[in-house]
Amino acid sequence: MSESWDDMAEGWDDNQAVIAYSENTVRSLTDVVKIKGLTILDFGCGTGLLTEKLSLDAAFITAIDPASKMIGVLDAKALPNVNTVAGVVDEALVRECRQAGKRFDLIVASSSLAFVPDYPETIALLAMLLADKGLLVQWDWEKSESSGAGFMPTEIEEAYTHAGLNLVSTSHPFSMGDMRVLMAVGQRID
């Protein structure tokens, strides 16, 4: 990719494909989870299209993304129950949250986990941020066995199991053109 995520921040919310992906993500999420009153972490939130929709019913959302300009676009929306973090989920953040007694009922990761340097490690870190019976829901492109960006269901299952999550389901809630989106739901059971 020649452009950084910061370079794409301006105009991201006007991209029709991004808008459609976000709308499909919300629809597929609300088919499996009741958002009302939940404390949510939006991992890789970008400009907050998903955050904005979830904030209508969530108790509180922490939205995190490494692209500070994407976070700046979200900050400008001034959502009262949203706290933004320009950064990454790492051991220090997990330790800080746990020391503060902060756990999330729901963690969402919409088209973001395929971009992390170590997927299984990131899933393990996110699992540590979940409350008991909390859910981790991700959407990414489904990768074919030969190549492509995204994940195969077996990769997700291995990472979730290794992180101590019960894989509740994998599904294909929507497609964008000829690319299928793989949705995975994992639950923390202490």
N, C-alpha and C. Protein backbone atom coordinates (compact mmCIF):
# COMPACT_ATOMS: atom_id res chain seq x y z
N MET A 1 0.85 -1.17 0.00
CA MET A 1 0.00 0.00 0.00
C MET A 1 0.90 1.23 0.00
N SER A 2 0.66 2.11 -0.93
CA SER A 2 1.51 3.29 -1.05
C SER A 2 1.14 4.39 -0.07
N GLU A 3 -0.11 4.42 0.33
CA GLU A 3 -0.55 5.44 1.27
C GLU A 3 -0.63 4.87 2.68
N SER A 4 -0.38 5.73 3.66
CA SER A 4 -0.56 5.30 5.04
C SER A 4 -2.03 5.50 5.41
N TRP A 5 -2.42 4.89 6.53
CA TRP A 5 -3.80 5.08 6.99
C TRP A 5 -4.06 6.55 7.29
N ASP A 6 -3.06 7.26 7.81
CA ASP A 6 -3.24 8.69 8.06
C ASP A 6 -3.53 9.45 6.77
N ASP A 7 -2.88 9.04 5.67
CA ASP A 7 -3.10 9.70 4.39
C ASP A 7 -4.53 9.51 3.88
N MET A 8 -5.17 8.43 4.33
CA MET A 8 -6.53 8.13 3.85
C MET A 8 -7.63 8.66 4.77
N ALA A 9 -7.25 9.25 5.90
CA ALA A 9 -8.25 9.69 6.88
C ALA A 9 -9.23 10.69 6.30
N GLU A 10 -8.72 11.69 5.61
CA GLU A 10 -9.59 12.69 5.01
C GLU A 10 -10.37 12.03 3.86
N GLY A 11 -11.65 12.07 3.93
CA GLY A 11 -12.48 11.48 2.89
C GLY A 11 -12.85 10.02 3.13
N TRP A 12 -12.28 9.39 4.17
CA TRP A 12 -12.58 7.98 4.45
C TRP A 12 -14.08 7.77 4.67
N ASP A 13 -14.71 8.67 5.41
CA ASP A 13 -16.14 8.53 5.71
C ASP A 13 -17.03 8.77 4.49
N ASP A 14 -16.46 9.23 3.39
CA ASP A 14 -17.23 9.45 2.16
C ASP A 14 -17.08 8.31 1.17
N ASN A 15 -16.22 7.34 1.48
CA ASN A 15 -15.97 6.21 0.59
C ASN A 15 -17.15 5.25 0.67
N GLN A 16 -17.86 5.07 -0.45
CA GLN A 16 -19.08 4.27 -0.47
C GLN A 16 -18.84 2.81 -0.08
N ALA A 17 -17.70 2.24 -0.46
CA ALA A 17 -17.39 0.86 -0.09
C ALA A 17 -17.16 0.75 1.42
N VAL A 18 -16.51 1.74 2.00
CA VAL A 18 -16.27 1.76 3.45
C VAL A 18 -17.59 1.90 4.20
N ILE A 19 -18.45 2.75 3.70
CA ILE A 19 -19.77 2.95 4.32
C ILE A 19 -20.58 1.65 4.26
N ALA A 20 -20.59 0.99 3.10
CA ALA A 20 -21.35 -0.26 2.94
C ALA A 20 -20.80 -1.35 3.86
N TYR A 21 -19.47 -1.44 3.96
CA TYR A 21 -18.85 -2.44 4.84
C TYR A 21 -19.29 -2.20 6.28
N SER A 22 -19.25 -0.94 6.71
CA SER A 22 -19.63 -0.58 8.07
C SER A 22 -21.10 -0.91 8.35
N GLU A 23 -21.97 -0.58 7.42
CA GLU A 23 -23.40 -0.87 7.60
C GLU A 23 -23.65 -2.37 7.69
N ASN A 24 -22.97 -3.16 6.85
CA ASN A 24 -23.11 -4.61 6.90
C ASN A 24 -22.55 -5.18 8.19
N THR A 25 -21.49 -4.59 8.68
CA THR A 25 -20.88 -5.03 9.93
C THR A 25 -21.86 -4.82 11.09
N VAL A 26 -22.43 -3.65 11.17
CA VAL A 26 -23.39 -3.36 12.25
C VAL A 26 -24.59 -4.31 12.17
N ARG A 27 -25.10 -4.50 10.99
CA ARG A 27 -26.26 -5.38 10.81
C ARG A 27 -25.93 -6.81 11.27
N SER A 28 -24.77 -7.32 10.87
CA SER A 28 -24.41 -8.68 11.25
C SER A 28 -24.12 -8.78 12.75
N LEU A 29 -23.58 -7.73 13.35
CA LEU A 29 -23.31 -7.72 14.79
C LEU A 29 -24.61 -7.73 15.58
N THR A 30 -25.52 -6.88 15.22
CA THR A 30 -26.77 -6.78 15.99
C THR A 30 -27.66 -8.01 15.79
N ASP A 31 -27.34 -8.84 14.81
CA ASP A 31 -28.04 -10.11 14.65
C ASP A 31 -27.62 -11.11 15.73
N VAL A 32 -26.42 -10.92 16.32
CA VAL A 32 -25.91 -11.90 17.29
C VAL A 32 -25.69 -11.33 18.70
N VAL A 33 -25.64 -10.00 18.84
CA VAL A 33 -25.34 -9.39 20.14
C VAL A 33 -26.27 -8.20 20.38
N LYS A 34 -26.77 -8.10 21.59
CA LYS A 34 -27.53 -6.90 22.00
C LYS A 34 -26.51 -5.90 22.53
N ILE A 35 -26.43 -4.75 21.94
CA ILE A 35 -25.43 -3.73 22.25
C ILE A 35 -25.82 -2.89 23.47
N LYS A 36 -27.10 -2.78 23.74
CA LYS A 36 -27.62 -1.90 24.79
C LYS A 36 -26.87 -2.08 26.11
N GLY A 37 -26.24 -1.01 26.59
CA GLY A 37 -25.60 -0.99 27.89
C GLY A 37 -24.22 -1.64 27.98
N LEU A 38 -23.67 -2.09 26.86
CA LEU A 38 -22.37 -2.76 26.90
C LEU A 38 -21.21 -1.77 26.92
N THR A 39 -20.11 -2.22 27.51
CA THR A 39 -18.84 -1.50 27.44
C THR A 39 -18.05 -2.17 26.32
N ILE A 40 -17.65 -1.36 25.33
CA ILE A 40 -17.10 -1.90 24.08
C ILE A 40 -15.71 -1.33 23.81
N LEU A 41 -14.85 -2.16 23.26
CA LEU A 41 -13.57 -1.73 22.69
C LEU A 41 -13.69 -1.92 21.19
N ASP A 42 -13.50 -0.83 20.43
CA ASP A 42 -13.47 -0.91 18.98
C ASP A 42 -12.01 -0.89 18.57
N PHE A 43 -11.48 -2.07 18.23
CA PHE A 43 -10.08 -2.25 17.89
C PHE A 43 -9.88 -1.92 16.41
N GLY A 44 -8.98 -0.99 16.12
CA GLY A 44 -8.75 -0.58 14.74
C GLY A 44 -9.93 0.20 14.21
N CYS A 45 -10.38 1.15 15.01
CA CYS A 45 -11.63 1.87 14.76
C CYS A 45 -11.59 2.78 13.56
N GLY A 46 -10.42 3.14 13.08
CA GLY A 46 -10.35 4.09 11.96
C GLY A 46 -11.01 5.40 12.33
N THR A 47 -11.87 5.89 11.44
CA THR A 47 -12.56 7.16 11.66
C THR A 47 -13.83 6.99 12.49
N GLY A 48 -14.11 5.76 12.89
CA GLY A 48 -15.21 5.53 13.81
C GLY A 48 -16.58 5.33 13.20
N LEU A 49 -16.66 4.87 11.96
CA LEU A 49 -17.98 4.62 11.38
C LEU A 49 -18.74 3.58 12.20
N LEU A 50 -18.07 2.51 12.61
CA LEU A 50 -18.71 1.50 13.44
C LEU A 50 -18.93 2.04 14.85
N THR A 51 -17.95 2.70 15.41
CA THR A 51 -18.06 3.29 16.74
C THR A 51 -19.28 4.19 16.85
N GLU A 52 -19.44 5.04 15.85
CA GLU A 52 -20.55 6.00 15.84
C GLU A 52 -21.90 5.28 15.91
N LYS A 53 -22.05 4.22 15.14
CA LYS A 53 -23.32 3.48 15.13
C LYS A 53 -23.55 2.76 16.46
N LEU A 54 -22.49 2.17 17.01
CA LEU A 54 -22.61 1.43 18.26
C LEU A 54 -22.82 2.36 19.45
N SER A 55 -22.33 3.59 19.36
CA SER A 55 -22.43 4.52 20.49
C SER A 55 -23.87 4.90 20.82
N LEU A 56 -24.77 4.69 19.90
CA LEU A 56 -26.18 5.01 20.14
C LEU A 56 -26.78 4.14 21.24
N ASP A 57 -26.26 2.90 21.40
CA ASP A 57 -26.81 1.98 22.40
C ASP A 57 -25.81 1.55 23.46
N ALA A 58 -24.55 1.69 23.20
CA ALA A 58 -23.52 1.24 24.15
C ALA A 58 -23.46 2.14 25.37
N ALA A 59 -23.03 1.58 26.49
CA ALA A 59 -22.81 2.40 27.69
C ALA A 59 -21.58 3.27 27.47
N PHE A 60 -20.51 2.64 26.99
CA PHE A 60 -19.25 3.35 26.78
C PHE A 60 -18.40 2.61 25.77
N ILE A 61 -17.68 3.36 24.94
CA ILE A 61 -16.80 2.75 23.93
C ILE A 61 -15.41 3.36 24.05
N THR A 62 -14.41 2.50 24.07
CA THR A 62 -13.03 2.91 23.89
C THR A 62 -12.68 2.55 22.46
N ALA A 63 -12.28 3.53 21.68
CA ALA A 63 -11.95 3.33 20.26
C ALA A 63 -10.45 3.54 20.09
N ILE A 64 -9.77 2.52 19.57
CA ILE A 64 -8.32 2.59 19.45
C ILE A 64 -7.88 2.33 18.01
N ASP A 65 -6.92 3.13 17.57
CA ASP A 65 -6.36 2.98 16.23
C ASP A 65 -4.97 3.61 16.23
N PRO A 66 -4.01 3.01 15.52
CA PRO A 66 -2.67 3.60 15.49
C PRO A 66 -2.55 4.85 14.61
N ALA A 67 -3.53 5.09 13.74
CA ALA A 67 -3.47 6.24 12.84
C ALA A 67 -4.08 7.47 13.52
N SER A 68 -3.23 8.38 13.93
CA SER A 68 -3.71 9.55 14.69
C SER A 68 -4.67 10.43 13.89
N LYS A 69 -4.50 10.51 12.58
CA LYS A 69 -5.43 11.32 11.79
C LYS A 69 -6.80 10.66 11.69
N MET A 70 -6.84 9.34 11.67
CA MET A 70 -8.13 8.64 11.71
C MET A 70 -8.81 8.94 13.04
N ILE A 71 -8.06 8.87 14.13
CA ILE A 71 -8.60 9.19 15.46
C ILE A 71 -9.06 10.64 15.51
N GLY A 72 -8.34 11.53 14.85
CA GLY A 72 -8.74 12.94 14.81
C GLY A 72 -10.11 13.13 14.16
N VAL A 73 -10.39 12.37 13.10
CA VAL A 73 -11.70 12.44 12.45
C VAL A 73 -12.78 11.96 13.43
N LEU A 74 -12.50 10.87 14.14
CA LEU A 74 -13.46 10.37 15.13
C LEU A 74 -13.65 11.37 16.27
N ASP A 75 -12.57 11.95 16.76
CA ASP A 75 -12.67 12.95 17.83
C ASP A 75 -13.57 14.11 17.43
N ALA A 76 -13.49 14.52 16.17
CA ALA A 76 -14.29 15.65 15.68
C ALA A 76 -15.79 15.35 15.73
N LYS A 77 -16.16 14.09 15.79
CA LYS A 77 -17.58 13.72 15.88
C LYS A 77 -18.14 13.95 17.27
N ALA A 78 -17.26 14.16 18.25
CA ALA A 78 -17.64 14.51 19.63
C ALA A 78 -18.73 13.60 20.20
N LEU A 79 -18.50 12.32 20.13
CA LEU A 79 -19.46 11.36 20.68
C LEU A 79 -19.29 11.31 22.19
N PRO A 80 -20.34 11.58 22.95
CA PRO A 80 -20.18 11.76 24.40
C PRO A 80 -19.76 10.51 25.18
N ASN A 81 -20.07 9.33 24.68
CA ASN A 81 -19.73 8.11 25.41
C ASN A 81 -18.57 7.35 24.76
N VAL A 82 -17.71 8.08 24.05
CA VAL A 82 -16.58 7.47 23.36
C VAL A 82 -15.28 8.12 23.80
N ASN A 83 -14.33 7.28 24.20
CA ASN A 83 -12.97 7.71 24.52
C ASN A 83 -12.07 7.16 23.42
N THR A 84 -11.23 8.01 22.86
CA THR A 84 -10.35 7.56 21.78
C THR A 84 -8.92 7.41 22.27
N VAL A 85 -8.21 6.48 21.63
CA VAL A 85 -6.80 6.23 21.92
C VAL A 85 -6.08 6.10 20.59
N ALA A 86 -5.12 6.98 20.36
CA ALA A 86 -4.25 6.84 19.18
C ALA A 86 -3.08 5.97 19.62
N GLY A 87 -3.15 4.69 19.31
CA GLY A 87 -2.12 3.76 19.75
C GLY A 87 -2.47 2.35 19.38
N VAL A 88 -1.78 1.42 20.02
CA VAL A 88 -1.96 0.00 19.73
C VAL A 88 -2.30 -0.75 21.01
N VAL A 89 -2.86 -1.93 20.84
CA VAL A 89 -3.07 -2.82 21.98
C VAL A 89 -1.80 -3.63 22.15
N ASP A 90 -1.12 -3.39 23.27
CA ASP A 90 0.10 -4.12 23.59
C ASP A 90 0.06 -4.52 25.05
N GLU A 91 1.11 -5.16 25.52
CA GLU A 91 1.13 -5.63 26.90
C GLU A 91 0.98 -4.49 27.90
N ALA A 92 1.55 -3.33 27.60
CA ALA A 92 1.45 -2.18 28.51
C ALA A 92 0.00 -1.71 28.63
N LEU A 93 -0.71 -1.63 27.52
CA LEU A 93 -2.11 -1.20 27.56
C LEU A 93 -2.96 -2.23 28.31
N VAL A 94 -2.71 -3.51 28.06
CA VAL A 94 -3.46 -4.55 28.76
C VAL A 94 -3.22 -4.46 30.26
N ARG A 95 -1.97 -4.29 30.64
CA ARG A 95 -1.63 -4.17 32.07
C ARG A 95 -2.32 -2.96 32.69
N GLU A 96 -2.28 -1.83 31.99
CA GLU A 96 -2.91 -0.60 32.47
C GLU A 96 -4.42 -0.80 32.67
N CYS A 97 -5.07 -1.41 31.70
CA CYS A 97 -6.52 -1.65 31.80
C CYS A 97 -6.84 -2.60 32.93
N ARG A 98 -6.07 -3.66 33.06
CA ARG A 98 -6.35 -4.64 34.11
C ARG A 98 -6.11 -4.06 35.50
N GLN A 99 -5.07 -3.24 35.63
CA GLN A 99 -4.81 -2.61 36.93
C GLN A 99 -5.93 -1.65 37.30
N ALA A 100 -6.54 -1.04 36.31
CA ALA A 100 -7.66 -0.13 36.55
C ALA A 100 -8.99 -0.87 36.68
N GLY A 101 -8.94 -2.20 36.54
CA GLY A 101 -10.16 -3.00 36.62
C GLY A 101 -11.06 -2.83 35.42
N LYS A 102 -10.47 -2.41 34.30
CA LYS A 102 -11.27 -2.15 33.10
C LYS A 102 -11.26 -3.39 32.21
N ARG A 103 -12.45 -3.94 32.01
CA ARG A 103 -12.66 -5.07 31.10
C ARG A 103 -13.82 -4.70 30.18
N PHE A 104 -13.87 -5.33 29.04
CA PHE A 104 -14.90 -5.00 28.04
C PHE A 104 -15.87 -6.15 27.87
N ASP A 105 -17.15 -5.80 27.75
CA ASP A 105 -18.19 -6.79 27.47
C ASP A 105 -18.09 -7.29 26.03
N LEU A 106 -17.62 -6.39 25.15
CA LEU A 106 -17.56 -6.69 23.73
C LEU A 106 -16.35 -5.99 23.13
N ILE A 107 -15.59 -6.73 22.34
CA ILE A 107 -14.52 -6.15 21.53
C ILE A 107 -14.87 -6.43 20.08
N VAL A 108 -14.88 -5.37 19.28
CA VAL A 108 -15.13 -5.51 17.85
C VAL A 108 -13.87 -5.13 17.09
N ALA A 109 -13.62 -5.85 16.00
CA ALA A 109 -12.47 -5.60 15.15
C ALA A 109 -12.93 -5.75 13.70
N SER A 110 -13.26 -4.63 13.10
CA SER A 110 -13.81 -4.64 11.74
C SER A 110 -12.71 -4.36 10.73
N SER A 111 -12.36 -5.40 9.98
CA SER A 111 -11.35 -5.30 8.92
C SER A 111 -10.06 -4.67 9.42
N SER A 112 -9.61 -5.13 10.58
CA SER A 112 -8.38 -4.56 11.15
C SER A 112 -7.35 -5.60 11.55
N LEU A 113 -7.77 -6.80 11.90
CA LEU A 113 -6.83 -7.79 12.41
C LEU A 113 -5.90 -8.37 11.35
N ALA A 114 -6.28 -8.27 10.08
CA ALA A 114 -5.38 -8.72 9.01
C ALA A 114 -4.17 -7.81 8.87
N PHE A 115 -4.19 -6.66 9.51
CA PHE A 115 -3.11 -5.69 9.40
C PHE A 115 -2.14 -5.70 10.58
N VAL A 116 -2.40 -6.52 11.59
CA VAL A 116 -1.51 -6.55 12.75
C VAL A 116 -0.30 -7.43 12.44
N PRO A 117 0.86 -7.14 13.05
CA PRO A 117 2.06 -7.93 12.75
C PRO A 117 2.00 -9.37 13.26
N ASP A 118 1.28 -9.62 14.36
CA ASP A 118 1.20 -10.97 14.92
C ASP A 118 -0.23 -11.23 15.35
N TYR A 119 -1.00 -11.85 14.47
CA TYR A 119 -2.43 -12.08 14.72
C TYR A 119 -2.68 -12.89 15.99
N PRO A 120 -2.06 -14.07 16.17
CA PRO A 120 -2.34 -14.83 17.40
C PRO A 120 -2.01 -14.07 18.68
N GLU A 121 -0.91 -13.31 18.67
CA GLU A 121 -0.54 -12.53 19.85
C GLU A 121 -1.58 -11.44 20.12
N THR A 122 -2.06 -10.79 19.08
CA THR A 122 -3.06 -9.73 19.24
C THR A 122 -4.36 -10.30 19.79
N ILE A 123 -4.78 -11.47 19.29
CA ILE A 123 -5.99 -12.11 19.80
C ILE A 123 -5.81 -12.43 21.29
N ALA A 124 -4.63 -12.92 21.67
CA ALA A 124 -4.38 -13.23 23.09
C ALA A 124 -4.47 -11.98 23.95
N LEU A 125 -3.92 -10.86 23.47
CA LEU A 125 -3.99 -9.60 24.21
C LEU A 125 -5.44 -9.12 24.33
N LEU A 126 -6.19 -9.21 23.24
CA LEU A 126 -7.59 -8.79 23.28
C LEU A 126 -8.39 -9.67 24.23
N ALA A 127 -8.11 -10.96 24.24
CA ALA A 127 -8.82 -11.88 25.14
C ALA A 127 -8.62 -11.48 26.60
N MET A 128 -7.43 -10.96 26.94
CA MET A 128 -7.15 -10.54 28.31
C MET A 128 -7.95 -9.30 28.71
N LEU A 129 -8.47 -8.58 27.72
CA LEU A 129 -9.25 -7.37 28.00
C LEU A 129 -10.75 -7.65 28.12
N LEU A 130 -11.15 -8.87 27.85
CA LEU A 130 -12.57 -9.21 27.91
C LEU A 130 -13.02 -9.53 29.33
N ALA A 131 -14.21 -9.10 29.65
CA ALA A 131 -14.85 -9.50 30.90
C ALA A 131 -15.24 -10.96 30.78
N ASP A 132 -15.54 -11.59 31.91
CA ASP A 132 -16.03 -12.97 31.88
C ASP A 132 -17.28 -13.03 31.00
N LYS A 133 -17.30 -13.96 30.10
CA LYS A 133 -18.37 -14.16 29.12
C LYS A 133 -18.41 -13.05 28.07
N GLY A 134 -17.39 -12.18 28.06
CA GLY A 134 -17.31 -11.14 27.04
C GLY A 134 -17.06 -11.74 25.67
N LEU A 135 -17.44 -11.00 24.64
CA LEU A 135 -17.33 -11.47 23.26
C LEU A 135 -16.30 -10.67 22.47
N LEU A 136 -15.58 -11.38 21.62
CA LEU A 136 -14.70 -10.78 20.63
C LEU A 136 -15.31 -11.11 19.27
N VAL A 137 -15.61 -10.08 18.49
CA VAL A 137 -16.20 -10.28 17.18
C VAL A 137 -15.31 -9.59 16.15
N GLN A 138 -14.89 -10.38 15.15
CA GLN A 138 -14.06 -9.81 14.09
C GLN A 138 -14.67 -10.06 12.73
N TRP A 139 -14.39 -9.15 11.82
CA TRP A 139 -14.76 -9.28 10.42
C TRP A 139 -13.50 -9.02 9.61
N ASP A 140 -13.18 -9.93 8.73
CA ASP A 140 -12.05 -9.77 7.81
C ASP A 140 -12.37 -10.52 6.54
N TRP A 141 -11.60 -10.26 5.49
CA TRP A 141 -11.79 -10.99 4.25
C TRP A 141 -11.46 -12.45 4.47
N GLU A 142 -12.18 -13.31 3.80
CA GLU A 142 -11.85 -14.73 3.84
C GLU A 142 -10.76 -15.00 2.81
N LYS A 143 -9.71 -15.62 3.28
CA LYS A 143 -8.56 -15.93 2.43
C LYS A 143 -8.77 -17.31 1.82
N SER A 144 -8.40 -17.43 0.55
CA SER A 144 -8.44 -18.76 -0.07
C SER A 144 -7.22 -19.53 0.42
N GLU A 145 -7.22 -20.83 0.23
CA GLU A 145 -6.10 -21.63 0.73
C GLU A 145 -4.80 -21.27 0.05
N SER A 146 -4.86 -20.81 -1.18
CA SER A 146 -3.62 -20.53 -1.90
C SER A 146 -3.02 -19.17 -1.58
N SER A 147 -3.85 -18.15 -1.46
CA SER A 147 -3.29 -16.82 -1.21
C SER A 147 -4.39 -15.83 -0.86
N GLY A 148 -3.96 -14.61 -0.68
CA GLY A 148 -4.92 -13.54 -0.43
C GLY A 148 -4.78 -12.96 0.95
N ALA A 149 -5.37 -11.79 1.10
CA ALA A 149 -5.39 -11.12 2.40
C ALA A 149 -6.52 -11.69 3.23
N GLY A 150 -6.39 -11.59 4.53
CA GLY A 150 -7.44 -12.04 5.42
C GLY A 150 -7.09 -13.35 6.10
N PHE A 151 -8.13 -14.13 6.39
CA PHE A 151 -7.95 -15.34 7.19
C PHE A 151 -8.77 -16.49 6.64
N MET A 152 -8.31 -17.69 6.93
CA MET A 152 -9.11 -18.90 6.74
C MET A 152 -9.74 -19.21 8.09
N PRO A 153 -10.90 -19.84 8.11
CA PRO A 153 -11.53 -20.15 9.40
C PRO A 153 -10.61 -20.91 10.36
N THR A 154 -9.78 -21.78 9.85
CA THR A 154 -8.89 -22.56 10.72
C THR A 154 -7.87 -21.67 11.42
N GLU A 155 -7.41 -20.61 10.76
CA GLU A 155 -6.47 -19.68 11.40
C GLU A 155 -7.12 -18.97 12.58
N ILE A 156 -8.36 -18.58 12.40
CA ILE A 156 -9.10 -17.90 13.46
C ILE A 156 -9.33 -18.85 14.62
N GLU A 157 -9.78 -20.06 14.31
CA GLU A 157 -10.06 -21.04 15.35
C GLU A 157 -8.81 -21.33 16.18
N GLU A 158 -7.67 -21.50 15.52
CA GLU A 158 -6.42 -21.76 16.25
C GLU A 158 -6.05 -20.59 17.16
N ALA A 159 -6.15 -19.38 16.66
CA ALA A 159 -5.80 -18.20 17.47
C ALA A 159 -6.74 -18.04 18.66
N TYR A 160 -8.04 -18.22 18.44
CA TYR A 160 -9.01 -18.09 19.52
C TYR A 160 -8.78 -19.15 20.59
N THR A 161 -8.59 -20.40 20.15
CA THR A 161 -8.36 -21.49 21.09
C THR A 161 -7.09 -21.26 21.90
N HIS A 162 -6.03 -20.85 21.23
CA HIS A 162 -4.76 -20.56 21.91
C HIS A 162 -4.92 -19.44 22.94
N ALA A 163 -5.80 -18.48 22.67
CA ALA A 163 -6.02 -17.34 23.57
C ALA A 163 -7.01 -17.67 24.68
N GLY A 164 -7.55 -18.89 24.68
CA GLY A 164 -8.50 -19.27 25.72
C GLY A 164 -9.92 -18.83 25.46
N LEU A 165 -10.22 -18.56 24.21
CA LEU A 165 -11.58 -18.17 23.84
C LEU A 165 -12.33 -19.36 23.28
N ASN A 166 -13.60 -19.43 23.57
CA ASN A 166 -14.47 -20.42 22.96
C ASN A 166 -14.96 -19.84 21.65
N LEU A 167 -14.65 -20.50 20.53
CA LEU A 167 -15.14 -20.02 19.24
C LEU A 167 -16.62 -20.36 19.15
N VAL A 168 -17.45 -19.33 19.24
CA VAL A 168 -18.89 -19.51 19.22
C VAL A 168 -19.38 -19.80 17.80
N SER A 169 -18.86 -19.02 16.84
CA SER A 169 -19.30 -19.22 15.46
C SER A 169 -18.35 -18.53 14.48
N THR A 170 -18.37 -19.04 13.27
CA THR A 170 -17.80 -18.33 12.12
C THR A 170 -18.90 -18.34 11.06
N SER A 171 -18.99 -17.26 10.32
CA SER A 171 -20.02 -17.17 9.29
C SER A 171 -19.55 -16.22 8.19
N HIS A 172 -20.35 -16.16 7.14
CA HIS A 172 -20.10 -15.24 6.02
C HIS A 172 -21.33 -14.34 5.91
N PRO A 173 -21.40 -13.29 6.73
CA PRO A 173 -22.61 -12.48 6.78
C PRO A 173 -22.85 -11.60 5.56
N PHE A 174 -21.78 -11.31 4.79
CA PHE A 174 -21.94 -10.50 3.60
C PHE A 174 -20.71 -10.62 2.72
N SER A 175 -20.84 -10.15 1.51
CA SER A 175 -19.73 -10.10 0.55
C SER A 175 -19.64 -8.69 0.01
N MET A 176 -18.47 -8.36 -0.45
CA MET A 176 -18.25 -7.07 -1.12
C MET A 176 -17.68 -7.44 -2.49
N GLY A 177 -18.50 -7.32 -3.52
CA GLY A 177 -18.07 -7.79 -4.83
C GLY A 177 -17.90 -9.30 -4.76
N ASP A 178 -16.74 -9.79 -5.20
CA ASP A 178 -16.50 -11.23 -5.17
C ASP A 178 -15.73 -11.67 -3.93
N MET A 179 -15.55 -10.77 -2.97
CA MET A 179 -14.82 -11.10 -1.75
C MET A 179 -15.80 -11.34 -0.60
N ARG A 180 -15.67 -12.52 0.02
CA ARG A 180 -16.53 -12.85 1.15
C ARG A 180 -15.91 -12.38 2.45
N VAL A 181 -16.77 -11.88 3.32
CA VAL A 181 -16.34 -11.44 4.64
C VAL A 181 -16.57 -12.59 5.62
N LEU A 182 -15.54 -12.87 6.39
CA LEU A 182 -15.60 -13.91 7.41
C LEU A 182 -15.79 -13.22 8.76
N MET A 183 -16.84 -13.61 9.45
CA MET A 183 -17.14 -13.06 10.78
C MET A 183 -16.91 -14.18 11.80
N ALA A 184 -16.16 -13.86 12.86
CA ALA A 184 -15.91 -14.83 13.92
C ALA A 184 -16.35 -14.24 15.24
N VAL A 185 -16.96 -15.07 16.07
CA VAL A 185 -17.40 -14.68 17.40
C VAL A 185 -16.76 -15.61 18.40
N GLY A 186 -15.98 -15.04 19.33
CA GLY A 186 -15.36 -15.82 20.38
C GLY A 186 -15.80 -15.31 21.73
N GLN A 187 -15.84 -16.20 22.71
CA GLN A 187 -16.29 -15.80 24.05
C GLN A 187 -15.28 -16.23 25.09
N ARG A 188 -15.04 -15.32 26.03
CA ARG A 188 -14.15 -15.62 27.14
C ARG A 188 -14.95 -16.32 28.24
N ILE A 189 -14.48 -17.46 28.64
CA ILE A 189 -15.10 -18.21 29.72
C ILE A 189 -14.04 -18.43 30.77
N ASP A 190 -14.17 -17.75 31.92
CA ASP A 190 -13.18 -17.92 32.98
C ASP A 190 -13.48 -19.15 33.80
